[in-house]
């Protein structure tokens, strides 16, 4: 017996994995699953040739300009692939478009596609989005045009692969220089998400350094006096309510030191 769940999208029932019964068209990760709790190994079949479910690269060429790593003050949850604004961006696997949205502080114009193999892919910084939520796509279908929208310093495609909302290093799946999948199957285990602990530690370290940098600088008030004609050390001390010894210590002088007119003495 085979059991599955389906969701209703634009009057069509779509068979999905159990956790994908959450259909959200606003957020990249509405699932909030903790990958450290994975106890078993789940094998995902990235392609299914018998059903004509294949894989395609998201761009015509895929030079990686930034990898899946801690960058600046946060973890970079995907890879950046170089492109020119207006280049075609294509669906990586068969599936259904879930999110078409804008994120000014991050992705810019972006698209999330839910795939039959259990993964979701994210395409960020697009100049144009050519699909809408609920659109069925085949691997290689045109879904958008590359750009540099959102938090971006130059045209590129920010490409993510996620499982249950949790990012996976795309280079676990793709050999980008060779322009192909590394494997036909992907084993989902807790170890695949070990970077999460490292990301949390590095983020805490950055925040600690930032907090230190913004801590108020220690300050103190000093009192000084400019020596006038006829002044004596005892008179200056009495006038300011301090001892002669304190003035000598603060100014590295002795009782025999001649006080020159115009010299500045530190009193407190």
C-alpha atoms as a PDB file:
ATOM      1  CA  UNK A   1       0.000   0.000   0.000  1.00  0.00           C
ATOM      2  CA  UNK A   2       1.335   3.469  -0.871  1.00  0.00           C
ATOM      3  CA  UNK A   3       0.147   6.543   0.975  1.00  0.00           C
ATOM      4  CA  UNK A   4       0.834  10.130  -0.016  1.00  0.00           C
ATOM      5  CA  UNK A   5      -0.389  13.619   0.704  1.00  0.00           C
ATOM      6  CA  UNK A   6      -1.727  16.082  -1.809  1.00  0.00           C
ATOM      7  CA  UNK A   7      -2.229  19.824  -1.758  1.00  0.00           C
ATOM      8  CA  UNK A   8      -4.729  21.824  -3.799  1.00  0.00           C
ATOM      9  CA  UNK A   9      -3.047  24.463  -5.969  1.00  0.00           C
ATOM     10  CA  UNK A  10      -5.138  26.444  -8.421  1.00  0.00           C
ATOM     11  CA  UNK A  11      -7.805  23.723  -8.523  1.00  0.00           C
ATOM     12  CA  UNK A  12      -5.218  20.962  -9.086  1.00  0.00           C
ATOM     13  CA  UNK A  13      -4.285  18.314  -6.522  1.00  0.00           C
ATOM     14  CA  UNK A  14      -0.527  17.812  -6.375  1.00  0.00           C
ATOM     15  CA  UNK A  15       1.111  14.798  -4.709  1.00  0.00           C
ATOM     16  CA  UNK A  16       3.778  15.955  -2.273  1.00  0.00           C
ATOM     17  CA  UNK A  17       5.965  14.642   0.530  1.00  0.00           C
ATOM     18  CA  UNK A  18       4.350  14.660   3.944  1.00  0.00           C
ATOM     19  CA  UNK A  19       6.082  17.755   5.284  1.00  0.00           C
ATOM     20  CA  UNK A  20       5.245  19.591   2.068  1.00  0.00           C
ATOM     21  CA  UNK A  21       1.583  19.607   3.039  1.00  0.00           C
ATOM     22  CA  UNK A  22       2.546  23.109   4.246  1.00  0.00           C
ATOM     23  CA  UNK A  23       1.962  25.262   1.182  1.00  0.00           C
ATOM     24  CA  UNK A  24       3.172  28.803   1.810  1.00  0.00           C
ATOM     25  CA  UNK A  25       3.662  31.379  -0.954  1.00  0.00           C
ATOM     26  CA  UNK A  26       5.432  34.024   1.158  1.00  0.00           C
ATOM     27  CA  UNK A  27       8.408  32.549   2.977  1.00  0.00           C
ATOM     28  CA  UNK A  28      11.497  30.567   1.964  1.00  0.00           C
ATOM     29  CA  UNK A  29      11.328  28.439   5.095  1.00  0.00           C
ATOM     30  CA  UNK A  30       7.866  28.041   6.633  1.00  0.00           C
ATOM     31  CA  UNK A  31       8.649  24.528   7.948  1.00  0.00           C
ATOM     32  CA  UNK A  32      10.938  25.247  10.931  1.00  0.00           C
ATOM     33  CA  UNK A  33      12.380  21.736  11.084  1.00  0.00           C
ATOM     34  CA  UNK A  34      15.498  21.112  13.202  1.00  0.00           C
ATOM     35  CA  UNK A  35      17.910  18.998  11.111  1.00  0.00           C
ATOM     36  CA  UNK A  36      19.938  18.005  14.173  1.00  0.00           C
ATOM     37  CA  UNK A  37      16.990  15.790  15.135  1.00  0.00           C
ATOM     38  CA  UNK A  38      17.294  13.622  12.036  1.00  0.00           C
ATOM     39  CA  UNK A  39      18.048  10.109  13.253  1.00  0.00           C
ATOM     40  CA  UNK A  40      17.704   8.043  10.088  1.00  0.00           C
ATOM     41  CA  UNK A  41      19.111   8.304   6.603  1.00  0.00           C
ATOM     42  CA  UNK A  42      16.650   9.317   3.916  1.00  0.00           C
ATOM     43  CA  UNK A  43      17.685   8.760   0.313  1.00  0.00           C
ATOM     44  CA  UNK A  44      16.291  11.207  -2.235  1.00  0.00           C
ATOM     45  CA  UNK A  45      16.285  10.245  -5.904  1.00  0.00           C
ATOM     46  CA  UNK A  46      17.299  13.462  -7.621  1.00  0.00           C
ATOM     47  CA  UNK A  47      16.046  12.252 -10.981  1.00  0.00           C
ATOM     48  CA  UNK A  48      13.477   9.694 -12.076  1.00  0.00           C
ATOM     49  CA  UNK A  49      14.061   8.887 -15.768  1.00  0.00           C
ATOM     50  CA  UNK A  50      11.205   6.402 -15.823  1.00  0.00           C
ATOM     51  CA  UNK A  51       8.828   9.298 -15.151  1.00  0.00           C
ATOM     52  CA  UNK A  52      10.805  11.701 -17.335  1.00  0.00           C
ATOM     53  CA  UNK A  53      11.807  13.721 -14.284  1.00  0.00           C
ATOM     54  CA  UNK A  54      15.294  14.911 -15.105  1.00  0.00           C
ATOM     55  CA  UNK A  55      17.777  17.539 -13.957  1.00  0.00           C
ATOM     56  CA  UNK A  56      19.163  20.642 -15.616  1.00  0.00           C
ATOM     57  CA  UNK A  57      21.698  23.253 -14.579  1.00  0.00           C
ATOM     58  CA  UNK A  58      20.124  26.621 -13.649  1.00  0.00           C
ATOM     59  CA  UNK A  59      22.374  28.564 -16.056  1.00  0.00           C
ATOM     60  CA  UNK A  60      24.038  27.965 -19.392  1.00  0.00           C
ATOM     61  CA  UNK A  61      27.412  28.152 -17.610  1.00  0.00           C
ATOM     62  CA  UNK A  62      27.963  27.890 -13.872  1.00  0.00           C
ATOM     63  CA  UNK A  63      31.183  29.573 -12.690  1.00  0.00           C
ATOM     64  CA  UNK A  64      31.032  29.811  -8.874  1.00  0.00           C
ATOM     65  CA  UNK A  65      32.020  33.226  -7.537  1.00  0.00           C
ATOM     66  CA  UNK A  66      31.144  32.624  -3.870  1.00  0.00           C
ATOM     67  CA  UNK A  67      30.568  29.372  -2.039  1.00  0.00           C
ATOM     68  CA  UNK A  68      28.500  27.965   0.809  1.00  0.00           C
ATOM     69  CA  UNK A  69      30.344  29.382   3.829  1.00  0.00           C
ATOM     70  CA  UNK A  70      30.493  32.012   6.542  1.00  0.00           C
ATOM     71  CA  UNK A  71      30.889  35.352   4.829  1.00  0.00           C
ATOM     72  CA  UNK A  72      31.230  38.718   6.525  1.00  0.00           C
ATOM     73  CA  UNK A  73      28.903  38.430   9.489  1.00  0.00           C
ATOM     74  CA  UNK A  74      26.522  35.695   8.383  1.00  0.00           C
ATOM     75  CA  UNK A  75      26.404  32.299   6.718  1.00  0.00           C
ATOM     76  CA  UNK A  76      26.038  32.328   2.950  1.00  0.00           C
ATOM     77  CA  UNK A  77      23.407  29.622   2.440  1.00  0.00           C
ATOM     78  CA  UNK A  78      23.972  29.012  -1.249  1.00  0.00           C
ATOM     79  CA  UNK A  79      26.403  29.529  -4.081  1.00  0.00           C
ATOM     80  CA  UNK A  80      26.741  32.568  -6.297  1.00  0.00           C
ATOM     81  CA  UNK A  81      26.923  31.788 -10.008  1.00  0.00           C
ATOM     82  CA  UNK A  82      28.230  34.429 -12.370  1.00  0.00           C
ATOM     83  CA  UNK A  83      25.923  35.765 -15.068  1.00  0.00           C
ATOM     84  CA  UNK A  84      25.048  38.889 -17.026  1.00  0.00           C
ATOM     85  CA  UNK A  85      21.853  40.771 -16.285  1.00  0.00           C
ATOM     86  CA  UNK A  86      19.155  39.345 -18.529  1.00  0.00           C
ATOM     87  CA  UNK A  87      20.671  35.852 -18.781  1.00  0.00           C
ATOM     88  CA  UNK A  88      18.136  33.006 -18.655  1.00  0.00           C
ATOM     89  CA  UNK A  89      17.590  31.267 -15.314  1.00  0.00           C
ATOM     90  CA  UNK A  90      16.061  27.794 -15.508  1.00  0.00           C
ATOM     91  CA  UNK A  91      14.380  25.344 -13.148  1.00  0.00           C
ATOM     92  CA  UNK A  92      16.832  22.742 -11.864  1.00  0.00           C
ATOM     93  CA  UNK A  93      14.297  19.908 -11.468  1.00  0.00           C
ATOM     94  CA  UNK A  94      10.636  19.229 -12.215  1.00  0.00           C
ATOM     95  CA  UNK A  95       8.260  20.753  -9.712  1.00  0.00           C
ATOM     96  CA  UNK A  96       5.881  23.531  -8.781  1.00  0.00           C
ATOM     97  CA  UNK A  97       6.689  27.182  -8.141  1.00  0.00           C
ATOM     98  CA  UNK A  98       5.890  27.961  -4.509  1.00  0.00           C
ATOM     99  CA  UNK A  99       7.170  31.516  -3.929  1.00  0.00           C
ATOM    100  CA  UNK A 100       7.617  34.503  -6.239  1.00  0.00           C
ATOM    101  CA  UNK A 101       8.545  37.406  -4.008  1.00  0.00           C
ATOM    102  CA  UNK A 102      10.770  40.380  -3.240  1.00  0.00           C
ATOM    103  CA  UNK A 103      13.311  40.711  -0.402  1.00  0.00           C
ATOM    104  CA  UNK A 104      15.008  44.095  -0.473  1.00  0.00           C
ATOM    105  CA  UNK A 105      17.547  43.241   2.231  1.00  0.00           C
ATOM    106  CA  UNK A 106      18.602  39.927   0.750  1.00  0.00           C
ATOM    107  CA  UNK A 107      17.385  37.918  -2.232  1.00  0.00           C
ATOM    108  CA  UNK A 108      15.910  40.827  -4.177  1.00  0.00           C
ATOM    109  CA  UNK A 109      13.516  39.327  -6.724  1.00  0.00           C
ATOM    110  CA  UNK A 110      13.498  35.600  -5.994  1.00  0.00           C
ATOM    111  CA  UNK A 111      11.712  32.357  -6.783  1.00  0.00           C
ATOM    112  CA  UNK A 112      11.328  29.157  -4.770  1.00  0.00           C
ATOM    113  CA  UNK A 113      10.488  25.930  -6.607  1.00  0.00           C
ATOM    114  CA  UNK A 114       9.293  22.813  -4.814  1.00  0.00           C
ATOM    115  CA  UNK A 115      10.451  19.620  -6.503  1.00  0.00           C
ATOM    116  CA  UNK A 116       9.025  16.124  -6.675  1.00  0.00           C
ATOM    117  CA  UNK A 117      12.336  14.703  -5.418  1.00  0.00           C
ATOM    118  CA  UNK A 118      11.790  16.325  -2.005  1.00  0.00           C
ATOM    119  CA  UNK A 119      14.086  19.318  -2.435  1.00  0.00           C
ATOM    120  CA  UNK A 120      13.360  22.985  -2.953  1.00  0.00           C
ATOM    121  CA  UNK A 121      15.570  25.382  -4.889  1.00  0.00           C
ATOM    122  CA  UNK A 122      15.887  29.152  -4.476  1.00  0.00           C
ATOM    123  CA  UNK A 123      16.865  31.579  -7.238  1.00  0.00           C
ATOM    124  CA  UNK A 124      17.841  35.068  -6.023  1.00  0.00           C
ATOM    125  CA  UNK A 125      18.755  38.561  -7.329  1.00  0.00           C
ATOM    126  CA  UNK A 126      16.652  38.147 -10.478  1.00  0.00           C
ATOM    127  CA  UNK A 127      15.892  41.086 -12.751  1.00  0.00           C
ATOM    128  CA  UNK A 128      12.649  39.425 -13.897  1.00  0.00           C
ATOM    129  CA  UNK A 129      10.385  36.687 -12.544  1.00  0.00           C
ATOM    130  CA  UNK A 130       8.563  34.895 -15.353  1.00  0.00           C
ATOM    131  CA  UNK A 131       6.399  32.483 -13.332  1.00  0.00           C
ATOM    132  CA  UNK A 132       3.871  32.689 -10.516  1.00  0.00           C
ATOM    133  CA  UNK A 133       3.063  30.486  -7.512  1.00  0.00           C
ATOM    134  CA  UNK A 134       1.426  27.262  -8.641  1.00  0.00           C
ATOM    135  CA  UNK A 135       3.172  27.150 -12.019  1.00  0.00           C
ATOM    136  CA  UNK A 136       4.235  23.627 -12.994  1.00  0.00           C
ATOM    137  CA  UNK A 137       7.786  23.564 -14.368  1.00  0.00           C
ATOM    138  CA  UNK A 138       9.992  20.954 -15.984  1.00  0.00           C
ATOM    139  CA  UNK A 139      13.742  20.840 -15.486  1.00  0.00           C
ATOM    140  CA  UNK A 140      15.240  23.396 -17.861  1.00  0.00           C
ATOM    141  CA  UNK A 141      12.129  25.565 -18.141  1.00  0.00           C
ATOM    142  CA  UNK A 142      12.799  29.307 -18.158  1.00  0.00           C
ATOM    143  CA  UNK A 143      11.624  30.835 -14.868  1.00  0.00           C
ATOM    144  CA  UNK A 144      13.413  34.187 -14.696  1.00  0.00           C
ATOM    145  CA  UNK A 145      16.147  36.501 -15.856  1.00  0.00           C
ATOM    146  CA  UNK A 146      19.385  37.088 -13.970  1.00  0.00           C
ATOM    147  CA  UNK A 147      20.160  40.402 -12.334  1.00  0.00           C
ATOM    148  CA  UNK A 148      21.530  42.140  -9.262  1.00  0.00           C
ATOM    149  CA  UNK A 149      18.475  43.034  -7.178  1.00  0.00           C
ATOM    150  CA  UNK A 150      18.381  43.065  -3.380  1.00  0.00           C
ATOM    151  CA  UNK A 151      21.591  42.903  -1.326  1.00  0.00           C
ATOM    152  CA  UNK A 152      23.935  42.405  -4.250  1.00  0.00           C
ATOM    153  CA  UNK A 153      27.048  44.166  -5.503  1.00  0.00           C
ATOM    154  CA  UNK A 154      27.012  42.761  -9.025  1.00  0.00           C
ATOM    155  CA  UNK A 155      24.970  40.590 -11.360  1.00  0.00           C
ATOM    156  CA  UNK A 156      24.897  36.924 -10.326  1.00  0.00           C
ATOM    157  CA  UNK A 157      22.478  34.143  -9.444  1.00  0.00           C
ATOM    158  CA  UNK A 158      22.249  33.263  -5.767  1.00  0.00           C
ATOM    159  CA  UNK A 159      21.276  29.584  -5.889  1.00  0.00           C
ATOM    160  CA  UNK A 160      20.180  27.527  -2.892  1.00  0.00           C
ATOM    161  CA  UNK A 161      19.128  23.919  -2.364  1.00  0.00           C
ATOM    162  CA  UNK A 162      16.964  23.179   0.691  1.00  0.00           C
ATOM    163  CA  UNK A 163      15.349  20.199   2.369  1.00  0.00           C
ATOM    164  CA  UNK A 164      12.522  20.868   4.834  1.00  0.00           C
ATOM    165  CA  UNK A 165      13.580  24.494   4.670  1.00  0.00           C
ATOM    166  CA  UNK A 166      17.151  23.763   5.739  1.00  0.00           C
ATOM    167  CA  UNK A 167      19.935  24.760   3.326  1.00  0.00           C
ATOM    168  CA  UNK A 168      22.224  22.128   1.819  1.00  0.00           C
ATOM    169  CA  UNK A 169      25.559  23.002   0.264  1.00  0.00           C
ATOM    170  CA  UNK A 170      24.761  22.869  -3.477  1.00  0.00           C
ATOM    171  CA  UNK A 171      28.257  21.533  -4.091  1.00  0.00           C
ATOM    172  CA  UNK A 172      27.169  18.342  -2.336  1.00  0.00           C
ATOM    173  CA  UNK A 173      24.926  17.819  -5.357  1.00  0.00           C
ATOM    174  CA  UNK A 174      26.594  19.618  -8.264  1.00  0.00           C
ATOM    175  CA  UNK A 175      29.986  19.603  -9.875  1.00  0.00           C
ATOM    176  CA  UNK A 176      29.688  23.148 -11.159  1.00  0.00           C
ATOM    177  CA  UNK A 177      32.974  23.265 -13.119  1.00  0.00           C
ATOM    178  CA  UNK A 178      31.973  20.055 -14.942  1.00  0.00           C
ATOM    179  CA  UNK A 179      28.392  21.308 -15.376  1.00  0.00           C
ATOM    180  CA  UNK A 180      26.696  18.185 -14.033  1.00  0.00           C
ATOM    181  CA  UNK A 181      25.169  16.440 -11.019  1.00  0.00           C
ATOM    182  CA  UNK A 182      27.659  14.655  -8.797  1.00  0.00           C
ATOM    183  CA  UNK A 183      25.228  11.849  -8.025  1.00  0.00           C
ATOM    184  CA  UNK A 184      21.793  10.520  -8.831  1.00  0.00           C
ATOM    185  CA  UNK A 185      20.808  10.108  -5.173  1.00  0.00           C
ATOM    186  CA  UNK A 186      21.279  12.325  -2.129  1.00  0.00           C
ATOM    187  CA  UNK A 187      21.450  10.899   1.395  1.00  0.00           C
ATOM    188  CA  UNK A 188      19.776  13.194   3.921  1.00  0.00           C
ATOM    189  CA  UNK A 189      21.357  12.825   7.367  1.00  0.00           C
ATOM    190  CA  UNK A 190      21.946  15.120  10.335  1.00  0.00           C
ATOM    191  CA  UNK A 191      25.621  15.291   9.318  1.00  0.00           C
ATOM    192  CA  UNK A 192      24.645  17.088   6.122  1.00  0.00           C
ATOM    193  CA  UNK A 193      23.683  20.077   8.288  1.00  0.00           C
ATOM    194  CA  UNK A 194      26.673  20.112  10.654  1.00  0.00           C
ATOM    195  CA  UNK A 195      27.537  23.572   9.379  1.00  0.00           C
ATOM    196  CA  UNK A 196      24.607  24.951  11.418  1.00  0.00           C
ATOM    197  CA  UNK A 197      26.565  24.614  14.666  1.00  0.00           C
ATOM    198  CA  UNK A 198      29.602  26.261  13.122  1.00  0.00           C
ATOM    199  CA  UNK A 199      27.440  29.057  11.750  1.00  0.00           C
ATOM    200  CA  UNK A 200      25.950  29.714  15.198  1.00  0.00           C
ATOM    201  CA  UNK A 201      29.389  29.826  16.845  1.00  0.00           C
ATOM    202  CA  UNK A 202      30.823  32.176  14.235  1.00  0.00           C
ATOM    203  CA  UNK A 203      27.770  34.415  14.395  1.00  0.00           C
ATOM    204  CA  UNK A 204      28.117  34.624  18.200  1.00  0.00           C
ATOM    205  CA  UNK A 205      31.801  35.510  17.839  1.00  0.00           C
ATOM    206  CA  UNK A 206      30.983  38.305  15.395  1.00  0.00           C
ATOM    207  CA  UNK A 207      28.288  39.646  17.714  1.00  0.00           C
ATOM    208  CA  UNK A 208      30.693  39.533  20.664  1.00  0.00           C
ATOM    209  CA  UNK A 209      33.300  41.497  18.713  1.00  0.00           C
ATOM    210  CA  UNK A 210      30.657  43.950  17.583  1.00  0.00           C
ATOM    211  CA  UNK A 211      29.446  44.407  21.143  1.00  0.00           C
ATOM    212  CA  UNK A 212      32.989  45.050  22.312  1.00  0.00           C
ATOM    213  CA  UNK A 213      33.550  47.576  19.555  1.00  0.00           C
ATOM    214  CA  UNK A 214      30.433  49.506  20.574  1.00  0.00           C
ATOM    215  CA  UNK A 215      31.057  49.358  24.316  1.00  0.00           C
ATOM    216  CA  UNK A 216      31.410  52.899  25.741  1.00  0.00           C
ATOM    217  CA  UNK A 217      35.066  53.931  26.048  1.00  0.00           C
ATOM    218  CA  UNK A 218      36.279  54.336  29.622  1.00  0.00           C
ATOM    219  CA  UNK A 219      36.660  58.019  30.496  1.00  0.00           C
ATOM    220  CA  UNK A 220      37.995  60.067  33.395  1.00  0.00           C
ATOM    221  CA  UNK A 221      38.225  63.744  34.320  1.00  0.00           C
ATOM    222  CA  UNK A 222      41.543  65.371  35.042  1.00  0.00           C
ATOM    223  CA  UNK A 223      42.241  68.728  36.751  1.00  0.00           C
ATOM    224  CA  UNK A 224      45.267  70.794  35.761  1.00  0.00           C
ATOM    225  CA  UNK A 225      46.713  74.103  36.918  1.00  0.00           C
ATOM    226  CA  UNK A 226      49.055  76.534  35.126  1.00  0.00           C
ATOM    227  CA  UNK A 227      51.768  77.859  37.457  1.00  0.00           C
ATOM    228  CA  UNK A 228      51.775  81.629  38.013  1.00  0.00           C
ATOM    229  CA  UNK A 229      54.440  83.929  39.354  1.00  0.00           C
ATOM    230  CA  UNK A 230      54.866  83.516  43.126  1.00  0.00           C
ATOM    231  CA  UNK A 231      53.052  80.137  43.341  1.00  0.00           C
ATOM    232  CA  UNK A 232      54.368  77.492  45.719  1.00  0.00           C
ATOM    233  CA  UNK A 233      53.557  73.812  45.757  1.00  0.00           C
ATOM    234  CA  UNK A 234      51.921  74.065  49.193  1.00  0.00           C
ATOM    235  CA  UNK A 235      49.684  76.955  48.078  1.00  0.00           C
ATOM    236  CA  UNK A 236      48.609  75.104  44.934  1.00  0.00           C
ATOM    237  CA  UNK A 237      47.838  71.936  46.965  1.00  0.00           C
ATOM    238  CA  UNK A 238      45.828  73.869  49.579  1.00  0.00           C
ATOM    239  CA  UNK A 239      43.892  75.747  46.892  1.00  0.00           C
ATOM    240  CA  UNK A 240      42.719  72.511  45.285  1.00  0.00           C
ATOM    241  CA  UNK A 241      42.261  70.477  48.451  1.00  0.00           C
ATOM    242  CA  UNK A 242      44.902  67.854  47.640  1.00  0.00           C
ATOM    243  CA  UNK A 243      48.208  66.872  49.149  1.00  0.00           C
ATOM    244  CA  UNK A 244      51.597  68.040  47.900  1.00  0.00           C
ATOM    245  CA  UNK A 245      52.581  64.380  47.621  1.00  0.00           C
ATOM    246  CA  UNK A 246      49.764  63.737  45.134  1.00  0.00           C
ATOM    247  CA  UNK A 247      50.856  66.621  42.916  1.00  0.00           C
ATOM    248  CA  UNK A 248      54.495  65.428  43.023  1.00  0.00           C
ATOM    249  CA  UNK A 249      53.420  61.859  42.126  1.00  0.00           C
ATOM    250  CA  UNK A 250      51.149  62.887  39.242  1.00  0.00           C
ATOM    251  CA  UNK A 251      53.825  65.159  37.749  1.00  0.00           C
ATOM    252  CA  UNK A 252      56.930  63.136  38.557  1.00  0.00           C
ATOM    253  CA  UNK A 253      58.568  65.959  40.525  1.00  0.00           C
ATOM    254  CA  UNK A 254      60.213  66.233  43.942  1.00  0.00           C
ATOM    255  CA  UNK A 255      60.065  68.771  46.730  1.00  0.00           C
ATOM    256  CA  UNK A 256      63.213  70.385  45.344  1.00  0.00           C
ATOM    257  CA  UNK A 257      61.802  70.899  41.837  1.00  0.00           C
ATOM    258  CA  UNK A 258      61.582  74.573  40.806  1.00  0.00           C
ATOM    259  CA  UNK A 259      58.082  75.489  39.591  1.00  0.00           C
ATOM    260  CA  UNK A 260      58.522  77.430  36.387  1.00  0.00           C
ATOM    261  CA  UNK A 261      55.935  80.055  35.494  1.00  0.00           C
ATOM    262  CA  UNK A 262      53.609  78.701  32.761  1.00  0.00           C
ATOM    263  CA  UNK A 263      54.175  75.034  33.587  1.00  0.00           C
ATOM    264  CA  UNK A 264      50.993  72.974  33.670  1.00  0.00           C
ATOM    265  CA  UNK A 265      50.642  70.705  36.667  1.00  0.00           C
ATOM    266  CA  UNK A 266      48.162  67.865  36.887  1.00  0.00           C
ATOM    267  CA  UNK A 267      46.259  68.191  40.154  1.00  0.00           C
ATOM    268  CA  UNK A 268      43.781  65.223  39.935  1.00  0.00           C
END
